[in-house]
């Protein structure tokens, strides 16, 4: 079991699954979601997401990876930041937990996450990093899986490495 924070492009990760920071209707969006759909092949991925139809905040669903290096995409819906007093930390923690459980239930050995909710959903980046690290660390204490937190932006990557230098 291992966990590492890396700088890079999530869509190019050679892992069993990458995680999409999805919207509840599982529609192609912007940011990391748009990049994943574009790299996977938007039509096929959208058709499979449309068949699923909906995903609640804090929950996760799985689809094929299509044109990605990853075999699967696990879609999770993060909370929109509303000041922190509307269960945002618990919902964000649940995103990581349910995505990891979905990976385990499907026999996957490696998974790569973006920093969920820290883009257009407005979650403060330092707080989002702390929740991600807590949820992933708790999971890998009891489960055998290789987990990456993939950060594209250099400044956010440096922030994460300062907060958690051992990762």
N, C-alpha and C. Protein backbone atom coordinates (compact mmCIF):
# COMPACT_ATOMS: atom_id res chain seq x y z
N UNK A 1 0.83 -1.18 0.00
CA UNK A 1 0.00 0.00 0.00
C UNK A 1 0.88 1.24 0.00
N UNK A 2 0.50 2.15 -0.88
CA UNK A 2 1.27 3.38 -0.95
C UNK A 2 0.37 4.54 -1.33
N UNK A 3 0.80 5.72 -0.93
CA UNK A 3 0.07 6.95 -1.21
C UNK A 3 1.10 8.01 -1.52
N UNK A 4 0.89 8.71 -2.63
CA UNK A 4 1.84 9.73 -3.05
C UNK A 4 1.10 10.92 -3.66
N UNK A 5 1.57 12.12 -3.35
CA UNK A 5 1.08 13.33 -4.00
C UNK A 5 2.03 13.60 -5.16
N UNK A 6 1.49 13.70 -6.37
CA UNK A 6 2.32 13.91 -7.55
C UNK A 6 1.81 15.10 -8.34
N UNK A 7 2.72 15.72 -9.07
CA UNK A 7 2.35 16.80 -9.98
C UNK A 7 2.23 16.19 -11.36
N UNK A 8 1.12 16.46 -12.04
CA UNK A 8 0.97 15.90 -13.36
C UNK A 8 -0.42 16.06 -13.92
N UNK A 9 -0.66 15.32 -15.00
CA UNK A 9 -1.92 15.34 -15.73
C UNK A 9 -2.68 14.06 -15.39
N UNK A 10 -3.78 14.19 -14.68
CA UNK A 10 -4.58 13.05 -14.25
C UNK A 10 -4.97 12.15 -15.42
N UNK A 11 -5.27 12.75 -16.57
CA UNK A 11 -5.75 11.95 -17.71
C UNK A 11 -4.67 11.04 -18.30
N UNK A 12 -3.42 11.28 -17.93
CA UNK A 12 -2.32 10.46 -18.46
C UNK A 12 -1.81 9.42 -17.45
N UNK A 13 -2.44 9.34 -16.29
CA UNK A 13 -2.00 8.40 -15.26
C UNK A 13 -2.29 6.96 -15.69
N UNK A 14 -1.26 6.13 -15.56
CA UNK A 14 -1.39 4.71 -15.91
C UNK A 14 -1.72 3.93 -14.65
N UNK A 15 -3.00 3.96 -14.30
CA UNK A 15 -3.53 3.31 -13.11
C UNK A 15 -4.80 2.56 -13.52
N UNK A 16 -5.33 1.75 -12.61
CA UNK A 16 -6.56 1.04 -12.92
C UNK A 16 -7.74 2.00 -13.08
N UNK A 17 -7.78 3.05 -12.26
CA UNK A 17 -8.88 4.02 -12.35
C UNK A 17 -8.39 5.41 -12.02
N UNK A 18 -8.98 6.39 -12.71
CA UNK A 18 -8.82 7.78 -12.30
C UNK A 18 -10.18 8.24 -11.80
N UNK A 19 -10.16 9.26 -10.96
CA UNK A 19 -11.40 9.76 -10.38
C UNK A 19 -11.76 11.08 -11.06
N UNK A 20 -13.04 11.16 -11.43
CA UNK A 20 -13.58 12.37 -12.02
C UNK A 20 -14.31 13.17 -10.96
N UNK A 21 -13.98 14.45 -10.84
CA UNK A 21 -14.73 15.37 -9.98
C UNK A 21 -15.97 15.75 -10.77
N UNK A 22 -17.03 14.97 -10.58
CA UNK A 22 -18.22 15.03 -11.42
C UNK A 22 -19.28 15.98 -10.87
N UNK A 23 -20.26 16.26 -11.71
CA UNK A 23 -21.48 16.93 -11.27
C UNK A 23 -22.55 15.85 -11.08
N UNK A 24 -23.59 16.16 -10.36
CA UNK A 24 -24.57 15.14 -9.99
C UNK A 24 -25.31 14.52 -11.17
N UNK A 25 -25.40 15.20 -12.28
CA UNK A 25 -26.06 14.66 -13.48
C UNK A 25 -25.09 13.87 -14.37
N UNK A 26 -23.81 13.81 -13.94
CA UNK A 26 -22.78 13.07 -14.66
C UNK A 26 -22.62 13.55 -16.10
N UNK A 27 -22.75 14.87 -16.29
CA UNK A 27 -22.58 15.49 -17.60
C UNK A 27 -21.16 16.02 -17.74
N UNK A 28 -20.66 16.01 -18.97
CA UNK A 28 -19.34 16.59 -19.23
C UNK A 28 -19.36 18.04 -18.79
N UNK A 29 -18.36 18.42 -18.02
CA UNK A 29 -18.27 19.78 -17.52
C UNK A 29 -16.95 20.41 -17.92
N UNK A 30 -16.51 21.36 -17.15
CA UNK A 30 -15.23 22.02 -17.39
C UNK A 30 -14.17 21.45 -16.48
N UNK A 31 -13.05 22.11 -16.41
CA UNK A 31 -11.96 21.70 -15.51
C UNK A 31 -11.54 20.26 -15.72
N UNK A 32 -11.27 19.57 -14.60
CA UNK A 32 -10.80 18.19 -14.67
C UNK A 32 -11.84 17.28 -15.32
N UNK A 33 -13.11 17.55 -15.07
CA UNK A 33 -14.18 16.74 -15.66
C UNK A 33 -14.14 16.84 -17.19
N UNK A 34 -14.02 18.03 -17.71
CA UNK A 34 -13.95 18.22 -19.16
C UNK A 34 -12.72 17.56 -19.76
N UNK A 35 -11.59 17.66 -19.05
CA UNK A 35 -10.35 17.04 -19.54
C UNK A 35 -10.49 15.52 -19.60
N UNK A 36 -11.12 14.93 -18.58
CA UNK A 36 -11.31 13.48 -18.55
C UNK A 36 -12.22 13.04 -19.69
N UNK A 37 -13.35 13.71 -19.86
CA UNK A 37 -14.27 13.35 -20.94
C UNK A 37 -13.59 13.47 -22.30
N UNK A 38 -12.86 14.56 -22.51
CA UNK A 38 -12.18 14.78 -23.80
C UNK A 38 -11.16 13.68 -24.07
N UNK A 39 -10.37 13.33 -23.06
CA UNK A 39 -9.34 12.31 -23.24
C UNK A 39 -9.93 10.91 -23.39
N UNK A 40 -11.05 10.65 -22.73
CA UNK A 40 -11.66 9.32 -22.78
C UNK A 40 -12.39 9.08 -24.10
N UNK A 41 -12.89 10.15 -24.69
CA UNK A 41 -13.79 10.04 -25.84
C UNK A 41 -15.16 10.44 -25.33
N UNK A 42 -15.53 11.71 -25.50
CA UNK A 42 -16.71 12.24 -24.82
C UNK A 42 -18.03 11.53 -25.12
N UNK A 43 -18.22 11.08 -26.35
CA UNK A 43 -19.52 10.49 -26.71
C UNK A 43 -19.76 9.19 -25.96
N UNK A 44 -18.79 8.29 -26.00
CA UNK A 44 -18.97 6.99 -25.34
C UNK A 44 -19.09 7.14 -23.83
N UNK A 45 -18.23 7.97 -23.24
CA UNK A 45 -18.27 8.16 -21.80
C UNK A 45 -19.59 8.81 -21.38
N UNK A 46 -20.06 9.79 -22.16
CA UNK A 46 -21.33 10.44 -21.82
C UNK A 46 -22.49 9.47 -21.94
N UNK A 47 -22.47 8.60 -22.94
CA UNK A 47 -23.54 7.61 -23.08
C UNK A 47 -23.62 6.70 -21.86
N UNK A 48 -22.46 6.25 -21.36
CA UNK A 48 -22.47 5.39 -20.18
C UNK A 48 -22.92 6.16 -18.94
N UNK A 49 -22.47 7.41 -18.81
CA UNK A 49 -22.90 8.24 -17.68
C UNK A 49 -24.40 8.51 -17.75
N UNK A 50 -24.92 8.75 -18.95
CA UNK A 50 -26.36 8.99 -19.11
C UNK A 50 -27.17 7.76 -18.69
N UNK A 51 -26.64 6.57 -18.94
CA UNK A 51 -27.33 5.34 -18.54
C UNK A 51 -27.39 5.22 -17.02
N UNK A 52 -26.37 5.73 -16.33
CA UNK A 52 -26.37 5.74 -14.86
C UNK A 52 -27.32 6.83 -14.37
N UNK A 53 -27.21 8.01 -14.98
CA UNK A 53 -28.18 9.07 -14.77
C UNK A 53 -27.89 10.09 -13.69
N UNK A 54 -27.47 9.67 -12.50
CA UNK A 54 -27.36 10.60 -11.39
C UNK A 54 -26.44 10.04 -10.33
N UNK A 55 -25.77 10.92 -9.61
CA UNK A 55 -24.93 10.52 -8.48
C UNK A 55 -25.06 11.60 -7.41
N UNK A 56 -25.38 11.18 -6.19
CA UNK A 56 -25.52 12.12 -5.08
C UNK A 56 -24.16 12.67 -4.64
N UNK A 57 -24.16 13.84 -4.05
CA UNK A 57 -22.96 14.43 -3.47
C UNK A 57 -22.38 13.48 -2.42
N UNK A 58 -21.08 13.25 -2.53
CA UNK A 58 -20.40 12.35 -1.59
C UNK A 58 -20.40 10.90 -2.01
N UNK A 59 -21.09 10.58 -3.11
CA UNK A 59 -21.17 9.20 -3.58
C UNK A 59 -20.32 9.03 -4.85
N UNK A 60 -20.17 7.77 -5.28
CA UNK A 60 -19.33 7.46 -6.44
C UNK A 60 -19.97 6.39 -7.31
N UNK A 61 -19.71 6.48 -8.61
CA UNK A 61 -20.12 5.46 -9.58
C UNK A 61 -18.94 5.20 -10.51
N UNK A 62 -18.96 4.05 -11.19
CA UNK A 62 -17.83 3.67 -12.04
C UNK A 62 -18.27 3.46 -13.49
N UNK A 63 -17.40 3.87 -14.41
CA UNK A 63 -17.60 3.62 -15.84
C UNK A 63 -16.29 3.12 -16.42
N UNK A 64 -16.35 2.71 -17.67
CA UNK A 64 -15.13 2.34 -18.40
C UNK A 64 -14.29 3.59 -18.63
N UNK A 65 -13.01 3.36 -18.94
CA UNK A 65 -12.10 4.47 -19.19
C UNK A 65 -11.99 4.86 -20.65
N UNK A 66 -12.48 4.01 -21.55
CA UNK A 66 -12.46 4.25 -22.99
C UNK A 66 -11.07 4.63 -23.47
N UNK A 67 -10.84 5.85 -23.96
CA UNK A 67 -9.56 6.23 -24.54
C UNK A 67 -8.46 6.60 -23.56
N UNK A 68 -8.74 6.49 -22.27
CA UNK A 68 -7.74 6.85 -21.26
C UNK A 68 -6.75 5.71 -21.04
N UNK A 69 -5.61 6.02 -20.45
CA UNK A 69 -4.67 4.97 -20.04
C UNK A 69 -5.29 4.13 -18.91
N UNK A 70 -6.11 4.77 -18.08
CA UNK A 70 -6.81 4.07 -16.99
C UNK A 70 -7.95 3.23 -17.57
N UNK A 71 -8.16 2.05 -16.98
CA UNK A 71 -9.23 1.16 -17.44
C UNK A 71 -10.62 1.70 -17.07
N UNK A 72 -10.68 2.43 -15.95
CA UNK A 72 -11.96 2.90 -15.44
C UNK A 72 -11.90 4.36 -15.02
N UNK A 73 -13.09 4.96 -14.95
CA UNK A 73 -13.26 6.28 -14.36
C UNK A 73 -14.26 6.11 -13.22
N UNK A 74 -13.87 6.54 -12.05
CA UNK A 74 -14.79 6.56 -10.92
C UNK A 74 -15.22 8.01 -10.75
N UNK A 75 -16.51 8.25 -10.91
CA UNK A 75 -17.07 9.59 -10.84
C UNK A 75 -17.57 9.84 -9.43
N UNK A 76 -17.17 10.93 -8.83
CA UNK A 76 -17.65 11.28 -7.49
C UNK A 76 -18.06 12.74 -7.49
N UNK A 77 -19.11 13.04 -6.76
CA UNK A 77 -19.65 14.39 -6.75
C UNK A 77 -19.26 15.08 -5.44
N UNK A 78 -18.38 16.05 -5.56
CA UNK A 78 -17.93 16.80 -4.40
C UNK A 78 -18.92 17.88 -4.00
N UNK A 79 -18.78 18.36 -2.78
CA UNK A 79 -19.66 19.43 -2.31
C UNK A 79 -19.22 20.79 -2.85
N UNK A 80 -20.19 21.66 -3.04
CA UNK A 80 -19.90 23.06 -3.33
C UNK A 80 -19.61 23.73 -1.99
N UNK A 81 -18.52 24.48 -1.92
CA UNK A 81 -18.14 25.16 -0.67
C UNK A 81 -19.14 26.27 -0.37
N UNK A 82 -19.75 26.21 0.81
CA UNK A 82 -20.69 27.23 1.25
C UNK A 82 -20.29 27.73 2.64
N UNK A 83 -18.99 27.88 2.87
CA UNK A 83 -18.51 28.41 4.12
C UNK A 83 -18.03 27.37 5.12
N UNK A 84 -18.29 26.11 4.86
CA UNK A 84 -17.80 25.05 5.72
C UNK A 84 -18.76 24.55 6.78
N UNK A 85 -19.92 25.16 6.89
CA UNK A 85 -20.87 24.74 7.93
C UNK A 85 -22.07 23.99 7.38
N UNK A 86 -21.95 23.50 6.16
CA UNK A 86 -23.04 22.74 5.53
C UNK A 86 -22.58 21.31 5.20
N UNK A 87 -21.85 20.71 6.13
CA UNK A 87 -21.35 19.33 5.99
C UNK A 87 -20.34 19.15 4.85
N UNK A 88 -19.73 20.23 4.39
CA UNK A 88 -18.78 20.11 3.29
C UNK A 88 -17.62 19.17 3.61
N UNK A 89 -16.99 19.27 4.80
CA UNK A 89 -15.87 18.34 5.08
C UNK A 89 -16.30 16.88 5.07
N UNK A 90 -17.45 16.59 5.66
CA UNK A 90 -17.93 15.20 5.69
C UNK A 90 -18.28 14.70 4.29
N UNK A 91 -18.91 15.55 3.49
CA UNK A 91 -19.26 15.16 2.12
C UNK A 91 -18.01 14.95 1.27
N UNK A 92 -17.02 15.82 1.42
CA UNK A 92 -15.78 15.66 0.67
C UNK A 92 -15.06 14.39 1.09
N UNK A 93 -14.98 14.14 2.38
CA UNK A 93 -14.37 12.91 2.89
C UNK A 93 -15.07 11.69 2.28
N UNK A 94 -16.39 11.75 2.21
CA UNK A 94 -17.18 10.66 1.64
C UNK A 94 -16.84 10.44 0.17
N UNK A 95 -16.52 11.50 -0.56
CA UNK A 95 -16.13 11.34 -1.98
C UNK A 95 -14.92 10.41 -2.10
N UNK A 96 -13.89 10.70 -1.31
CA UNK A 96 -12.69 9.87 -1.36
C UNK A 96 -12.99 8.46 -0.88
N UNK A 97 -13.72 8.35 0.21
CA UNK A 97 -14.03 7.04 0.80
C UNK A 97 -14.84 6.18 -0.17
N UNK A 98 -15.90 6.73 -0.73
CA UNK A 98 -16.75 5.92 -1.63
C UNK A 98 -16.02 5.59 -2.93
N UNK A 99 -15.18 6.49 -3.42
CA UNK A 99 -14.40 6.19 -4.63
C UNK A 99 -13.42 5.05 -4.36
N UNK A 100 -12.75 5.10 -3.21
CA UNK A 100 -11.81 4.03 -2.84
C UNK A 100 -12.54 2.71 -2.62
N UNK A 101 -13.70 2.75 -2.00
CA UNK A 101 -14.48 1.53 -1.80
C UNK A 101 -14.95 0.96 -3.13
N UNK A 102 -15.35 1.83 -4.05
CA UNK A 102 -15.76 1.39 -5.39
C UNK A 102 -14.60 0.70 -6.10
N UNK A 103 -13.41 1.28 -5.98
CA UNK A 103 -12.22 0.67 -6.58
C UNK A 103 -11.96 -0.71 -5.97
N UNK A 104 -12.02 -0.79 -4.65
CA UNK A 104 -11.78 -2.07 -3.97
C UNK A 104 -12.82 -3.11 -4.38
N UNK A 105 -14.08 -2.72 -4.42
CA UNK A 105 -15.17 -3.64 -4.78
C UNK A 105 -15.02 -4.16 -6.21
N UNK A 106 -14.34 -3.40 -7.06
CA UNK A 106 -14.13 -3.81 -8.45
C UNK A 106 -12.76 -4.45 -8.68
N UNK A 107 -12.07 -4.77 -7.58
CA UNK A 107 -10.80 -5.47 -7.67
C UNK A 107 -9.65 -4.64 -8.21
N UNK A 108 -9.74 -3.32 -8.11
CA UNK A 108 -8.70 -2.45 -8.65
C UNK A 108 -7.55 -2.32 -7.65
N UNK A 109 -6.35 -2.15 -8.17
CA UNK A 109 -5.15 -2.08 -7.34
C UNK A 109 -4.53 -0.71 -7.29
N UNK A 110 -4.93 0.19 -8.22
CA UNK A 110 -4.34 1.53 -8.24
C UNK A 110 -5.39 2.54 -8.69
N UNK A 111 -5.29 3.74 -8.10
CA UNK A 111 -6.26 4.79 -8.37
C UNK A 111 -5.59 6.14 -8.25
N UNK A 112 -6.03 7.09 -9.07
CA UNK A 112 -5.48 8.45 -9.04
C UNK A 112 -6.63 9.44 -8.91
N UNK A 113 -6.49 10.35 -7.95
CA UNK A 113 -7.50 11.37 -7.66
C UNK A 113 -7.04 12.75 -8.10
N UNK A 114 -7.97 13.60 -8.51
CA UNK A 114 -7.69 15.03 -8.56
C UNK A 114 -7.99 15.59 -7.17
N UNK A 115 -7.79 16.87 -6.99
CA UNK A 115 -8.17 17.53 -5.75
C UNK A 115 -9.64 17.91 -5.89
N UNK A 116 -10.51 17.07 -5.34
CA UNK A 116 -11.96 17.19 -5.54
C UNK A 116 -12.51 18.45 -4.86
N UNK A 117 -13.41 19.11 -5.57
CA UNK A 117 -14.15 20.31 -5.12
C UNK A 117 -13.31 21.57 -5.03
N UNK A 118 -12.01 21.51 -5.32
CA UNK A 118 -11.14 22.67 -5.15
C UNK A 118 -11.07 23.58 -6.37
N UNK A 119 -11.83 23.25 -7.42
CA UNK A 119 -11.87 24.11 -8.60
C UNK A 119 -13.11 24.98 -8.56
N UNK A 120 -14.00 24.77 -9.53
CA UNK A 120 -15.19 25.62 -9.63
C UNK A 120 -16.15 25.45 -8.46
N UNK A 121 -16.01 24.37 -7.67
CA UNK A 121 -16.87 24.19 -6.50
C UNK A 121 -16.39 25.00 -5.31
N UNK A 122 -15.20 25.63 -5.43
CA UNK A 122 -14.76 26.64 -4.49
C UNK A 122 -14.23 26.20 -3.13
N UNK A 123 -13.98 24.91 -2.96
CA UNK A 123 -13.46 24.43 -1.66
C UNK A 123 -12.06 24.99 -1.47
N UNK A 124 -11.75 25.57 -0.31
CA UNK A 124 -10.39 26.10 -0.09
C UNK A 124 -9.35 24.99 -0.29
N UNK A 125 -8.35 25.28 -1.08
CA UNK A 125 -7.40 24.25 -1.50
C UNK A 125 -6.67 23.59 -0.34
N UNK A 126 -6.24 24.36 0.65
CA UNK A 126 -5.53 23.76 1.77
C UNK A 126 -6.45 22.81 2.55
N UNK A 127 -7.69 23.21 2.74
CA UNK A 127 -8.65 22.35 3.44
C UNK A 127 -8.98 21.11 2.61
N UNK A 128 -9.10 21.27 1.29
CA UNK A 128 -9.37 20.13 0.41
C UNK A 128 -8.23 19.13 0.45
N UNK A 129 -7.00 19.62 0.49
CA UNK A 129 -5.83 18.74 0.58
C UNK A 129 -5.87 17.96 1.89
N UNK A 130 -6.18 18.65 2.98
CA UNK A 130 -6.22 17.98 4.30
C UNK A 130 -7.27 16.87 4.34
N UNK A 131 -8.44 17.12 3.78
CA UNK A 131 -9.49 16.09 3.74
C UNK A 131 -9.06 14.92 2.87
N UNK A 132 -8.49 15.22 1.71
CA UNK A 132 -8.04 14.15 0.81
C UNK A 132 -7.01 13.26 1.50
N UNK A 133 -6.03 13.86 2.12
CA UNK A 133 -4.97 13.08 2.77
C UNK A 133 -5.54 12.25 3.93
N UNK A 134 -6.44 12.83 4.71
CA UNK A 134 -7.03 12.10 5.82
C UNK A 134 -7.82 10.88 5.34
N UNK A 135 -8.66 11.08 4.34
CA UNK A 135 -9.50 9.99 3.85
C UNK A 135 -8.67 8.88 3.20
N UNK A 136 -7.72 9.27 2.37
CA UNK A 136 -6.88 8.28 1.68
C UNK A 136 -6.01 7.54 2.69
N UNK A 137 -5.41 8.27 3.61
CA UNK A 137 -4.54 7.64 4.61
C UNK A 137 -5.29 6.61 5.45
N UNK A 138 -6.50 6.96 5.86
CA UNK A 138 -7.30 6.02 6.66
C UNK A 138 -7.60 4.75 5.86
N UNK A 139 -7.94 4.91 4.58
CA UNK A 139 -8.26 3.76 3.74
C UNK A 139 -7.06 2.84 3.55
N UNK A 140 -5.90 3.41 3.25
CA UNK A 140 -4.75 2.54 2.94
C UNK A 140 -4.14 1.89 4.17
N UNK A 141 -4.52 2.35 5.37
CA UNK A 141 -4.08 1.66 6.58
C UNK A 141 -4.65 0.25 6.64
N UNK A 142 -5.83 0.06 6.04
CA UNK A 142 -6.54 -1.22 6.13
C UNK A 142 -6.69 -1.93 4.80
N UNK A 143 -6.29 -1.30 3.72
CA UNK A 143 -6.50 -1.86 2.38
C UNK A 143 -5.24 -1.76 1.54
N UNK A 144 -5.03 -2.75 0.73
CA UNK A 144 -3.88 -2.80 -0.17
C UNK A 144 -4.24 -2.12 -1.49
N UNK A 145 -3.71 -0.92 -1.71
CA UNK A 145 -3.97 -0.20 -2.95
C UNK A 145 -2.92 0.89 -3.11
N UNK A 146 -2.56 1.18 -4.35
CA UNK A 146 -1.67 2.29 -4.65
C UNK A 146 -2.53 3.48 -5.02
N UNK A 147 -2.33 4.59 -4.31
CA UNK A 147 -3.18 5.77 -4.47
C UNK A 147 -2.32 6.99 -4.76
N UNK A 148 -2.75 7.76 -5.74
CA UNK A 148 -2.09 9.02 -6.09
C UNK A 148 -3.08 10.16 -5.96
N UNK A 149 -2.60 11.27 -5.41
CA UNK A 149 -3.33 12.52 -5.47
C UNK A 149 -2.57 13.35 -6.50
N UNK A 150 -3.20 13.58 -7.65
CA UNK A 150 -2.53 14.21 -8.78
C UNK A 150 -2.93 15.67 -8.86
N UNK A 151 -1.93 16.55 -8.80
CA UNK A 151 -2.18 17.98 -8.82
C UNK A 151 -1.50 18.59 -10.04
N UNK A 152 -2.28 19.28 -10.84
CA UNK A 152 -1.80 19.86 -12.10
C UNK A 152 -1.08 21.19 -11.87
N UNK A 153 -1.62 22.02 -11.01
CA UNK A 153 -1.10 23.37 -10.79
C UNK A 153 0.13 23.35 -9.88
N UNK A 154 1.21 23.99 -10.31
CA UNK A 154 2.47 24.00 -9.55
C UNK A 154 2.32 24.61 -8.16
N UNK A 155 1.59 25.72 -8.04
CA UNK A 155 1.43 26.38 -6.74
C UNK A 155 0.66 25.50 -5.76
N UNK A 156 -0.38 24.84 -6.23
CA UNK A 156 -1.17 23.96 -5.37
C UNK A 156 -0.35 22.73 -5.00
N UNK A 157 0.43 22.23 -5.94
CA UNK A 157 1.31 21.09 -5.65
C UNK A 157 2.31 21.46 -4.55
N UNK A 158 2.91 22.64 -4.65
CA UNK A 158 3.86 23.09 -3.62
C UNK A 158 3.17 23.25 -2.27
N UNK A 159 1.94 23.74 -2.27
CA UNK A 159 1.18 23.87 -1.03
C UNK A 159 0.98 22.48 -0.40
N UNK A 160 0.60 21.51 -1.21
CA UNK A 160 0.37 20.15 -0.72
C UNK A 160 1.65 19.55 -0.15
N UNK A 161 2.77 19.76 -0.82
CA UNK A 161 4.04 19.20 -0.34
C UNK A 161 4.50 19.88 0.95
N UNK A 162 4.16 21.15 1.12
CA UNK A 162 4.49 21.83 2.38
C UNK A 162 3.62 21.31 3.51
N UNK A 163 2.33 21.06 3.22
CA UNK A 163 1.42 20.56 4.24
C UNK A 163 1.76 19.11 4.61
N UNK A 164 2.18 18.31 3.62
CA UNK A 164 2.45 16.89 3.84
C UNK A 164 3.77 16.48 3.16
N UNK A 165 4.89 16.91 3.72
CA UNK A 165 6.19 16.68 3.08
C UNK A 165 6.55 15.19 2.91
N UNK A 166 5.97 14.32 3.72
CA UNK A 166 6.31 12.89 3.62
C UNK A 166 5.60 12.21 2.46
N UNK A 167 4.64 12.90 1.86
CA UNK A 167 3.91 12.30 0.73
C UNK A 167 4.47 12.85 -0.56
